Amino acid sequence: MGDGKQARNEEFQSFMVGRWPRLMRTAFLLTGEQHAAEDLVQSTLERAYVSWRKVGTADDPEAYVRRVMINLHARKHRRKLKEFLAPRDDSGLVHEVADTGDRIAQADDRGALLKALAQLPVRQREAVVLRYWEDLTETQAAEAMGCSVGTVKSNAAKGIAKLRAIPGLAETVMYGGRK
């Protein structure tokens, strides 16, 4: 019995280490603050670990964990806790470092893009982050958000339209965020 638990622990650790950067990026885009993103990822992985037997045998464990993260983020928002994407004074913050090949890193003004993202309602922000930064299909985003494909399409379209309406960002979000 100890060998089985050890194997599950090693499997979970491997999963966690391999997915940490992507989970952090998603959490940062959802919360906008490094510490809040770390807390969200930590809470997500705590829940995944407790249910690892179920998560590890799921068809797509990463999608399962992503759904847990979205649910935790939505639950936090429902409790009306203040979250911010663009702190007024960011002098003491450790900034997110973009992955190589990350499209958002190619934006001329990453700060302006994050501030604009902060202005979106939570569901629109989730849809935009999952569809365009995580490059999920509409179906995958709908599963992660716990809603219909139509809701994802609607929220993503409204979010992109709001981003396009901000002067200077039109080029960044041209063609729905995909160039």
N, C-alpha and C. Protein backbone atom coordinates (compact mmCIF):
# COMPACT_ATOMS: atom_id res chain seq x y z
N MET A 1 0.82 -1.19 0.00
CA MET A 1 0.00 0.00 0.00
C MET A 1 0.87 1.25 0.00
N GLY A 2 2.00 1.22 0.68
CA GLY A 2 2.90 2.36 0.71
C GLY A 2 3.48 2.66 -0.65
N ASP A 3 3.75 1.59 -1.46
CA ASP A 3 4.30 1.79 -2.80
C ASP A 3 3.30 2.50 -3.70
N GLY A 4 2.02 2.17 -3.56
CA GLY A 4 0.98 2.82 -4.37
C GLY A 4 0.87 4.30 -4.04
N LYS A 5 0.94 4.63 -2.75
CA LYS A 5 0.86 6.03 -2.34
C LYS A 5 2.09 6.78 -2.83
N GLN A 6 3.24 6.15 -2.72
CA GLN A 6 4.48 6.77 -3.20
C GLN A 6 4.40 7.03 -4.70
N ALA A 7 3.88 6.08 -5.45
CA ALA A 7 3.75 6.24 -6.90
C ALA A 7 2.79 7.39 -7.23
N ARG A 8 1.65 7.48 -6.50
CA ARG A 8 0.71 8.58 -6.72
C ARG A 8 1.35 9.92 -6.39
N ASN A 9 2.12 9.96 -5.30
CA ASN A 9 2.80 11.20 -4.92
C ASN A 9 3.79 11.62 -6.00
N GLU A 10 4.54 10.67 -6.53
CA GLU A 10 5.51 10.98 -7.59
C GLU A 10 4.79 11.43 -8.87
N GLU A 11 3.68 10.77 -9.19
CA GLU A 11 2.89 11.15 -10.37
C GLU A 11 2.35 12.57 -10.21
N PHE A 12 1.83 12.89 -9.03
CA PHE A 12 1.31 14.23 -8.79
C PHE A 12 2.44 15.26 -8.85
N GLN A 13 3.57 14.94 -8.24
CA GLN A 13 4.69 15.87 -8.25
C GLN A 13 5.15 16.15 -9.68
N SER A 14 5.23 15.12 -10.49
CA SER A 14 5.62 15.28 -11.89
C SER A 14 4.61 16.17 -12.63
N PHE A 15 3.33 15.92 -12.39
CA PHE A 15 2.27 16.73 -13.00
C PHE A 15 2.42 18.19 -12.57
N MET A 16 2.58 18.40 -11.27
CA MET A 16 2.66 19.76 -10.72
C MET A 16 3.86 20.52 -11.29
N VAL A 17 5.00 19.90 -11.29
CA VAL A 17 6.21 20.56 -11.78
C VAL A 17 6.08 20.89 -13.27
N GLY A 18 5.51 19.97 -14.03
CA GLY A 18 5.36 20.19 -15.47
C GLY A 18 4.34 21.25 -15.83
N ARG A 19 3.33 21.43 -15.00
CA ARG A 19 2.24 22.36 -15.33
C ARG A 19 2.35 23.71 -14.61
N TRP A 20 3.23 23.81 -13.63
CA TRP A 20 3.32 25.02 -12.81
C TRP A 20 3.44 26.31 -13.64
N PRO A 21 4.34 26.42 -14.61
CA PRO A 21 4.46 27.68 -15.35
C PRO A 21 3.17 28.08 -16.07
N ARG A 22 2.53 27.14 -16.71
CA ARG A 22 1.30 27.45 -17.44
C ARG A 22 0.16 27.80 -16.48
N LEU A 23 0.06 27.07 -15.38
CA LEU A 23 -0.96 27.39 -14.38
C LEU A 23 -0.71 28.78 -13.79
N MET A 24 0.54 29.12 -13.54
CA MET A 24 0.87 30.45 -13.01
C MET A 24 0.50 31.54 -14.01
N ARG A 25 0.78 31.32 -15.27
CA ARG A 25 0.44 32.33 -16.28
C ARG A 25 -1.06 32.54 -16.33
N THR A 26 -1.82 31.46 -16.34
CA THR A 26 -3.27 31.58 -16.38
C THR A 26 -3.78 32.28 -15.13
N ALA A 27 -3.28 31.88 -13.98
CA ALA A 27 -3.72 32.50 -12.72
C ALA A 27 -3.36 33.98 -12.69
N PHE A 28 -2.18 34.33 -13.19
CA PHE A 28 -1.77 35.74 -13.22
C PHE A 28 -2.69 36.55 -14.11
N LEU A 29 -3.05 36.01 -15.26
CA LEU A 29 -3.95 36.73 -16.15
C LEU A 29 -5.35 36.85 -15.57
N LEU A 30 -5.76 35.87 -14.77
CA LEU A 30 -7.07 35.94 -14.13
C LEU A 30 -7.08 36.91 -12.96
N THR A 31 -6.03 36.90 -12.15
CA THR A 31 -6.02 37.71 -10.93
C THR A 31 -5.28 39.03 -11.10
N GLY A 32 -4.26 39.02 -11.94
CA GLY A 32 -3.49 40.23 -12.20
C GLY A 32 -2.43 40.55 -11.18
N GLU A 33 -2.25 39.74 -10.20
CA GLU A 33 -1.30 40.03 -9.15
C GLU A 33 -0.53 38.77 -8.83
N GLN A 34 0.77 38.88 -8.75
CA GLN A 34 1.64 37.72 -8.59
C GLN A 34 1.28 36.88 -7.36
N HIS A 35 1.09 37.55 -6.22
CA HIS A 35 0.81 36.80 -4.99
C HIS A 35 -0.56 36.13 -5.06
N ALA A 36 -1.53 36.82 -5.61
CA ALA A 36 -2.87 36.23 -5.75
C ALA A 36 -2.82 35.04 -6.71
N ALA A 37 -2.01 35.16 -7.76
CA ALA A 37 -1.86 34.05 -8.72
C ALA A 37 -1.22 32.84 -8.04
N GLU A 38 -0.20 33.08 -7.24
CA GLU A 38 0.45 31.98 -6.52
C GLU A 38 -0.53 31.31 -5.57
N ASP A 39 -1.32 32.12 -4.87
CA ASP A 39 -2.33 31.56 -3.96
C ASP A 39 -3.35 30.73 -4.72
N LEU A 40 -3.80 31.23 -5.87
CA LEU A 40 -4.80 30.51 -6.66
C LEU A 40 -4.24 29.18 -7.15
N VAL A 41 -3.01 29.18 -7.65
CA VAL A 41 -2.40 27.94 -8.12
C VAL A 41 -2.19 26.97 -6.95
N GLN A 42 -1.73 27.49 -5.83
CA GLN A 42 -1.52 26.63 -4.66
C GLN A 42 -2.82 25.99 -4.21
N SER A 43 -3.88 26.78 -4.12
CA SER A 43 -5.19 26.25 -3.71
C SER A 43 -5.70 25.22 -4.72
N THR A 44 -5.48 25.50 -5.99
CA THR A 44 -5.90 24.58 -7.04
C THR A 44 -5.17 23.25 -6.90
N LEU A 45 -3.86 23.31 -6.72
CA LEU A 45 -3.07 22.09 -6.61
C LEU A 45 -3.35 21.33 -5.31
N GLU A 46 -3.71 22.05 -4.25
CA GLU A 46 -4.11 21.37 -3.02
C GLU A 46 -5.34 20.50 -3.28
N ARG A 47 -6.31 21.08 -3.96
CA ARG A 47 -7.54 20.33 -4.27
C ARG A 47 -7.25 19.16 -5.21
N ALA A 48 -6.36 19.40 -6.17
CA ALA A 48 -6.02 18.33 -7.10
C ALA A 48 -5.32 17.19 -6.37
N TYR A 49 -4.45 17.52 -5.43
CA TYR A 49 -3.73 16.48 -4.70
C TYR A 49 -4.68 15.62 -3.88
N VAL A 50 -5.61 16.26 -3.20
CA VAL A 50 -6.57 15.53 -2.37
C VAL A 50 -7.38 14.54 -3.21
N SER A 51 -7.67 14.93 -4.45
CA SER A 51 -8.48 14.08 -5.34
C SER A 51 -7.64 13.46 -6.45
N TRP A 52 -6.34 13.26 -6.20
CA TRP A 52 -5.44 12.84 -7.28
C TRP A 52 -5.85 11.51 -7.92
N ARG A 53 -6.40 10.60 -7.16
CA ARG A 53 -6.85 9.33 -7.77
C ARG A 53 -7.82 9.61 -8.90
N LYS A 54 -8.76 10.49 -8.64
CA LYS A 54 -9.77 10.85 -9.65
C LYS A 54 -9.17 11.72 -10.75
N VAL A 55 -8.39 12.71 -10.36
CA VAL A 55 -7.78 13.64 -11.32
C VAL A 55 -6.79 12.91 -12.23
N GLY A 56 -5.92 12.11 -11.63
CA GLY A 56 -4.88 11.42 -12.39
C GLY A 56 -5.41 10.42 -13.40
N THR A 57 -6.61 9.91 -13.17
CA THR A 57 -7.19 8.95 -14.11
C THR A 57 -8.19 9.60 -15.07
N ALA A 58 -8.36 10.90 -14.96
CA ALA A 58 -9.26 11.62 -15.88
C ALA A 58 -8.69 11.57 -17.29
N ASP A 59 -9.55 11.73 -18.29
CA ASP A 59 -9.10 11.73 -19.68
C ASP A 59 -8.06 12.83 -19.92
N ASP A 60 -8.27 13.99 -19.31
CA ASP A 60 -7.36 15.12 -19.47
C ASP A 60 -7.15 15.78 -18.10
N PRO A 61 -6.17 15.31 -17.33
CA PRO A 61 -5.95 15.86 -15.99
C PRO A 61 -5.71 17.38 -15.99
N GLU A 62 -5.04 17.89 -17.01
CA GLU A 62 -4.78 19.33 -17.07
C GLU A 62 -6.09 20.10 -17.21
N ALA A 63 -7.01 19.62 -18.01
CA ALA A 63 -8.31 20.27 -18.16
C ALA A 63 -9.08 20.22 -16.84
N TYR A 64 -8.98 19.11 -16.15
CA TYR A 64 -9.64 18.96 -14.85
C TYR A 64 -9.11 20.00 -13.87
N VAL A 65 -7.80 20.14 -13.80
CA VAL A 65 -7.18 21.09 -12.88
C VAL A 65 -7.51 22.52 -13.30
N ARG A 66 -7.53 22.79 -14.59
CA ARG A 66 -7.89 24.12 -15.08
C ARG A 66 -9.31 24.48 -14.64
N ARG A 67 -10.20 23.51 -14.70
CA ARG A 67 -11.59 23.74 -14.27
C ARG A 67 -11.64 24.04 -12.78
N VAL A 68 -10.86 23.34 -11.99
CA VAL A 68 -10.79 23.61 -10.56
C VAL A 68 -10.33 25.06 -10.34
N MET A 69 -9.31 25.49 -11.10
CA MET A 69 -8.79 26.85 -10.96
C MET A 69 -9.86 27.89 -11.30
N ILE A 70 -10.56 27.69 -12.39
CA ILE A 70 -11.61 28.64 -12.80
C ILE A 70 -12.70 28.68 -11.74
N ASN A 71 -13.08 27.53 -11.21
CA ASN A 71 -14.11 27.50 -10.16
C ASN A 71 -13.65 28.24 -8.91
N LEU A 72 -12.41 28.03 -8.49
CA LEU A 72 -11.90 28.74 -7.32
C LEU A 72 -11.87 30.24 -7.56
N HIS A 73 -11.43 30.65 -8.75
CA HIS A 73 -11.39 32.07 -9.08
C HIS A 73 -12.80 32.66 -9.09
N ALA A 74 -13.74 31.96 -9.69
CA ALA A 74 -15.12 32.45 -9.75
C ALA A 74 -15.71 32.53 -8.34
N ARG A 75 -15.41 31.54 -7.51
CA ARG A 75 -15.92 31.54 -6.13
C ARG A 75 -15.39 32.75 -5.37
N LYS A 76 -14.12 33.07 -5.58
CA LYS A 76 -13.52 34.23 -4.93
C LYS A 76 -14.23 35.50 -5.39
N HIS A 77 -14.50 35.58 -6.67
CA HIS A 77 -15.15 36.76 -7.22
C HIS A 77 -16.57 36.91 -6.67
N ARG A 78 -17.28 35.79 -6.55
CA ARG A 78 -18.65 35.85 -6.04
C ARG A 78 -18.70 36.38 -4.62
N ARG A 79 -17.63 36.14 -3.86
CA ARG A 79 -17.59 36.64 -2.49
C ARG A 79 -17.23 38.12 -2.44
N LYS A 80 -17.09 38.72 -3.62
CA LYS A 80 -16.83 40.16 -3.74
C LYS A 80 -15.49 40.57 -3.15
N LEU A 81 -14.51 39.68 -3.17
CA LEU A 81 -13.18 40.08 -2.73
C LEU A 81 -12.54 40.91 -3.82
N LYS A 82 -11.84 41.94 -3.41
CA LYS A 82 -11.24 42.85 -4.37
C LYS A 82 -10.04 42.17 -5.04
N GLU A 83 -10.02 42.26 -6.34
CA GLU A 83 -8.86 41.80 -7.08
C GLU A 83 -8.45 42.90 -8.04
N PHE A 84 -7.21 42.94 -8.38
CA PHE A 84 -6.74 43.98 -9.27
C PHE A 84 -5.69 43.40 -10.21
N LEU A 85 -5.71 43.92 -11.43
CA LEU A 85 -4.73 43.48 -12.41
C LEU A 85 -3.60 44.49 -12.56
N ALA A 86 -3.85 45.74 -12.26
CA ALA A 86 -2.85 46.77 -12.44
C ALA A 86 -2.69 47.55 -11.14
N PRO A 87 -1.80 47.09 -10.26
CA PRO A 87 -1.63 47.80 -9.01
C PRO A 87 -1.15 49.22 -9.26
N ARG A 88 -1.57 50.14 -8.39
CA ARG A 88 -1.17 51.55 -8.55
C ARG A 88 0.33 51.71 -8.38
N ASP A 89 0.88 50.98 -7.43
CA ASP A 89 2.32 51.08 -7.19
C ASP A 89 2.89 49.68 -7.30
N ASP A 90 3.58 49.42 -8.40
CA ASP A 90 4.11 48.08 -8.63
C ASP A 90 5.60 48.01 -8.34
N SER A 91 6.13 48.95 -7.56
CA SER A 91 7.57 48.99 -7.33
C SER A 91 8.08 47.76 -6.58
N GLY A 92 7.28 47.17 -5.70
CA GLY A 92 7.75 46.03 -4.92
C GLY A 92 7.33 44.68 -5.47
N LEU A 93 6.63 44.66 -6.59
CA LEU A 93 6.13 43.40 -7.12
C LEU A 93 7.16 42.70 -8.01
N VAL A 94 7.11 41.39 -7.99
CA VAL A 94 7.90 40.59 -8.91
C VAL A 94 7.00 40.38 -10.12
N HIS A 95 7.45 40.78 -11.27
CA HIS A 95 6.62 40.72 -12.46
C HIS A 95 6.70 39.34 -13.11
N GLU A 96 5.60 38.96 -13.74
CA GLU A 96 5.54 37.70 -14.46
C GLU A 96 6.50 37.75 -15.63
N VAL A 97 7.21 36.67 -15.86
CA VAL A 97 8.10 36.57 -17.00
C VAL A 97 7.41 35.71 -18.04
N ALA A 98 7.27 36.24 -19.23
CA ALA A 98 6.56 35.53 -20.28
C ALA A 98 7.36 34.34 -20.79
N ASP A 99 6.64 33.30 -21.18
CA ASP A 99 7.27 32.15 -21.82
C ASP A 99 7.79 32.59 -23.18
N THR A 100 8.83 31.93 -23.66
CA THR A 100 9.28 32.23 -25.01
C THR A 100 8.19 31.75 -25.96
N GLY A 101 7.90 32.54 -26.96
CA GLY A 101 6.84 32.20 -27.90
C GLY A 101 5.47 32.64 -27.43
N ASP A 102 5.37 33.23 -26.26
CA ASP A 102 4.09 33.70 -25.73
C ASP A 102 3.68 34.93 -26.53
N ARG A 103 2.51 34.86 -27.18
CA ARG A 103 2.05 35.98 -28.01
C ARG A 103 1.89 37.27 -27.24
N ILE A 104 1.47 37.17 -26.01
CA ILE A 104 1.28 38.39 -25.23
C ILE A 104 2.62 39.09 -25.02
N ALA A 105 3.71 38.33 -24.97
CA ALA A 105 5.04 38.93 -24.80
C ALA A 105 5.44 39.73 -26.01
N GLN A 106 4.81 39.49 -27.13
CA GLN A 106 5.13 40.20 -28.35
C GLN A 106 4.46 41.57 -28.41
N ALA A 107 3.52 41.83 -27.52
CA ALA A 107 2.84 43.11 -27.50
C ALA A 107 3.83 44.21 -27.14
N ASP A 108 3.73 45.35 -27.81
CA ASP A 108 4.63 46.46 -27.53
C ASP A 108 4.45 46.98 -26.11
N ASP A 109 3.24 46.98 -25.64
CA ASP A 109 2.99 47.53 -24.32
C ASP A 109 2.21 46.54 -23.48
N ARG A 110 2.93 45.63 -22.87
CA ARG A 110 2.32 44.57 -22.05
C ARG A 110 1.53 45.16 -20.88
N GLY A 111 2.06 46.19 -20.27
CA GLY A 111 1.38 46.83 -19.15
C GLY A 111 0.02 47.38 -19.54
N ALA A 112 -0.04 48.03 -20.70
CA ALA A 112 -1.32 48.57 -21.17
C ALA A 112 -2.31 47.45 -21.45
N LEU A 113 -1.83 46.35 -21.96
CA LEU A 113 -2.70 45.22 -22.24
C LEU A 113 -3.25 44.62 -20.94
N LEU A 114 -2.40 44.50 -19.92
CA LEU A 114 -2.86 43.97 -18.64
C LEU A 114 -3.85 44.92 -17.98
N LYS A 115 -3.62 46.22 -18.08
CA LYS A 115 -4.57 47.20 -17.53
C LYS A 115 -5.91 47.09 -18.25
N ALA A 116 -5.86 46.92 -19.56
CA ALA A 116 -7.10 46.78 -20.33
C ALA A 116 -7.82 45.49 -19.94
N LEU A 117 -7.08 44.43 -19.75
CA LEU A 117 -7.66 43.16 -19.35
C LEU A 117 -8.33 43.29 -17.98
N ALA A 118 -7.75 44.10 -17.11
CA ALA A 118 -8.31 44.32 -15.77
C ALA A 118 -9.68 44.98 -15.83
N GLN A 119 -9.95 45.70 -16.88
CA GLN A 119 -11.22 46.41 -17.01
C GLN A 119 -12.36 45.51 -17.45
N LEU A 120 -12.05 44.32 -17.91
CA LEU A 120 -13.10 43.40 -18.36
C LEU A 120 -13.81 42.77 -17.17
N PRO A 121 -15.12 42.53 -17.31
CA PRO A 121 -15.81 41.74 -16.28
C PRO A 121 -15.16 40.35 -16.19
N VAL A 122 -15.29 39.72 -15.04
CA VAL A 122 -14.59 38.46 -14.77
C VAL A 122 -14.86 37.40 -15.82
N ARG A 123 -16.11 37.16 -16.19
CA ARG A 123 -16.42 36.09 -17.16
C ARG A 123 -15.82 36.40 -18.53
N GLN A 124 -15.84 37.66 -18.94
CA GLN A 124 -15.21 38.03 -20.20
C GLN A 124 -13.71 37.83 -20.12
N ARG A 125 -13.11 38.21 -19.00
CA ARG A 125 -11.67 38.03 -18.81
C ARG A 125 -11.32 36.54 -18.86
N GLU A 126 -12.12 35.70 -18.18
CA GLU A 126 -11.85 34.27 -18.21
C GLU A 126 -11.93 33.73 -19.64
N ALA A 127 -12.96 34.14 -20.38
CA ALA A 127 -13.13 33.66 -21.75
C ALA A 127 -11.96 34.10 -22.64
N VAL A 128 -11.56 35.36 -22.53
CA VAL A 128 -10.45 35.87 -23.34
C VAL A 128 -9.15 35.16 -22.97
N VAL A 129 -8.87 35.00 -21.68
CA VAL A 129 -7.64 34.34 -21.25
C VAL A 129 -7.60 32.90 -21.74
N LEU A 130 -8.69 32.17 -21.54
CA LEU A 130 -8.70 30.76 -21.93
C LEU A 130 -8.64 30.58 -23.44
N ARG A 131 -9.38 31.41 -24.18
CA ARG A 131 -9.41 31.25 -25.64
C ARG A 131 -8.14 31.74 -26.32
N TYR A 132 -7.66 32.91 -25.93
CA TYR A 132 -6.59 33.53 -26.69
C TYR A 132 -5.20 33.39 -26.08
N TRP A 133 -5.08 33.33 -24.77
CA TRP A 133 -3.76 33.14 -24.18
C TRP A 133 -3.48 31.67 -23.93
N GLU A 134 -4.47 30.94 -23.51
CA GLU A 134 -4.28 29.51 -23.31
C GLU A 134 -4.54 28.72 -24.58
N ASP A 135 -5.09 29.38 -25.59
CA ASP A 135 -5.34 28.79 -26.91
C ASP A 135 -6.22 27.54 -26.82
N LEU A 136 -7.22 27.59 -25.94
CA LEU A 136 -8.17 26.48 -25.83
C LEU A 136 -9.25 26.62 -26.89
N THR A 137 -9.83 25.52 -27.28
CA THR A 137 -10.98 25.57 -28.18
C THR A 137 -12.16 26.12 -27.40
N GLU A 138 -13.21 26.50 -28.11
CA GLU A 138 -14.42 26.99 -27.45
C GLU A 138 -14.99 25.92 -26.52
N THR A 139 -14.95 24.68 -26.97
CA THR A 139 -15.46 23.57 -26.15
C THR A 139 -14.63 23.39 -24.89
N GLN A 140 -13.32 23.45 -24.99
CA GLN A 140 -12.45 23.31 -23.82
C GLN A 140 -12.65 24.47 -22.85
N ALA A 141 -12.78 25.68 -23.39
CA ALA A 141 -13.02 26.85 -22.53
C ALA A 141 -14.37 26.73 -21.83
N ALA A 142 -15.38 26.25 -22.54
CA ALA A 142 -16.70 26.06 -21.95
C ALA A 142 -16.65 25.05 -20.80
N GLU A 143 -15.90 23.97 -21.01
CA GLU A 143 -15.75 22.97 -19.94
C GLU A 143 -15.05 23.57 -18.74
N ALA A 144 -14.00 24.36 -18.99
CA ALA A 144 -13.24 24.97 -17.89
C ALA A 144 -14.10 25.99 -17.13
N MET A 145 -14.94 26.72 -17.84
CA MET A 145 -15.76 27.76 -17.22
C MET A 145 -17.08 27.22 -16.68
N GLY A 146 -17.43 25.99 -17.07
CA GLY A 146 -18.69 25.42 -16.61
C GLY A 146 -19.90 26.08 -17.23
N CYS A 147 -19.79 26.37 -18.53
CA CYS A 147 -20.89 27.04 -19.22
C CYS A 147 -20.99 26.48 -20.64
N SER A 148 -21.90 27.04 -21.43
CA SER A 148 -22.09 26.57 -22.79
C SER A 148 -21.05 27.19 -23.72
N VAL A 149 -20.90 26.58 -24.89
CA VAL A 149 -20.00 27.11 -25.91
C VAL A 149 -20.48 28.50 -26.34
N GLY A 150 -21.79 28.67 -26.44
CA GLY A 150 -22.34 29.97 -26.82
C GLY A 150 -21.97 31.07 -25.83
N THR A 151 -21.96 30.73 -24.54
CA THR A 151 -21.57 31.71 -23.52
C THR A 151 -20.10 32.08 -23.67
N VAL A 152 -19.26 31.11 -23.97
CA VAL A 152 -17.84 31.40 -24.20
C VAL A 152 -17.70 32.31 -25.41
N LYS A 153 -18.37 31.97 -26.51
CA LYS A 153 -18.29 32.80 -27.72
C LYS A 153 -18.72 34.23 -27.43
N SER A 154 -19.85 34.37 -26.74
CA SER A 154 -20.39 35.68 -26.42
C SER A 154 -19.44 36.48 -25.53
N ASN A 155 -18.96 35.86 -24.45
CA ASN A 155 -18.06 36.56 -23.54
C ASN A 155 -16.73 36.90 -24.19
N ALA A 156 -16.19 35.99 -24.99
CA ALA A 156 -14.92 36.27 -25.68
C ALA A 156 -15.10 37.40 -26.69
N ALA A 157 -16.18 37.37 -27.45
CA ALA A 157 -16.43 38.42 -28.45
C ALA A 157 -16.60 39.78 -27.77
N LYS A 158 -17.36 39.83 -26.69
CA LYS A 158 -17.56 41.09 -25.97
C LYS A 158 -16.25 41.59 -25.37
N GLY A 159 -15.47 40.67 -24.82
CA GLY A 159 -14.19 41.05 -24.23
C GLY A 159 -13.21 41.60 -25.27
N ILE A 160 -13.12 40.92 -26.41
CA ILE A 160 -12.23 41.38 -27.48
C ILE A 160 -12.71 42.73 -28.02
N ALA A 161 -14.04 42.89 -28.15
CA ALA A 161 -14.59 44.17 -28.62
C ALA A 161 -14.22 45.30 -27.66
N LYS A 162 -14.29 45.05 -26.36
CA LYS A 162 -13.91 46.07 -25.38
C LYS A 162 -12.42 46.39 -25.46
N LEU A 163 -11.60 45.37 -25.67
CA LEU A 163 -10.16 45.60 -25.81
C LEU A 163 -9.86 46.39 -27.08
N ARG A 164 -10.56 46.09 -28.16
CA ARG A 164 -10.35 46.81 -29.42
C ARG A 164 -10.75 48.28 -29.30
N ALA A 165 -11.70 48.57 -28.43
CA ALA A 165 -12.19 49.95 -28.29
C ALA A 165 -11.21 50.84 -27.53
N ILE A 166 -10.21 50.26 -26.91
CA ILE A 166 -9.23 51.04 -26.15
C ILE A 166 -8.17 51.55 -27.12
N PRO A 167 -7.98 52.87 -27.18
CA PRO A 167 -6.98 53.44 -28.10
C PRO A 167 -5.60 52.82 -27.88
N GLY A 168 -4.95 52.47 -28.96
CA GLY A 168 -3.60 51.91 -28.89
C GLY A 168 -3.57 50.40 -28.77
N LEU A 169 -4.67 49.78 -28.42
CA LEU A 169 -4.68 48.32 -28.30
C LEU A 169 -5.29 47.65 -29.52
N ALA A 170 -5.85 48.42 -30.41
CA ALA A 170 -6.54 47.84 -31.57
C ALA A 170 -5.62 46.90 -32.36
N GLU A 171 -4.35 47.29 -32.51
CA GLU A 171 -3.41 46.45 -33.26
C GLU A 171 -3.08 45.17 -32.49
N THR A 172 -3.02 45.26 -31.17
CA THR A 172 -2.66 44.12 -30.34
C THR A 172 -3.72 43.03 -30.38
N VAL A 173 -4.98 43.43 -30.39
CA VAL A 173 -6.08 42.45 -30.36
C VAL A 173 -6.73 42.29 -31.73
N MET A 174 -6.02 42.73 -32.77
CA MET A 174 -6.54 42.60 -34.13
C MET A 174 -6.84 41.14 -34.44
N TYR A 175 -7.88 40.93 -35.16
CA TYR A 175 -8.31 39.60 -35.59
C TYR A 175 -8.60 38.70 -34.41
N GLY A 176 -9.20 39.24 -33.34
CA GLY A 176 -9.59 38.41 -32.21
C GLY A 176 -8.41 37.91 -31.41
N GLY A 177 -7.25 38.60 -31.49
CA GLY A 177 -6.12 38.20 -30.69
C GLY A 177 -5.22 37.21 -31.39
N ARG A 178 -5.60 36.75 -32.57
CA ARG A 178 -4.77 35.77 -33.31
C ARG A 178 -4.28 36.42 -34.59
N LYS A 179 -3.00 36.36 -34.81
CA LYS A 179 -2.44 36.98 -36.02
C LYS A 179 -2.06 35.93 -37.01
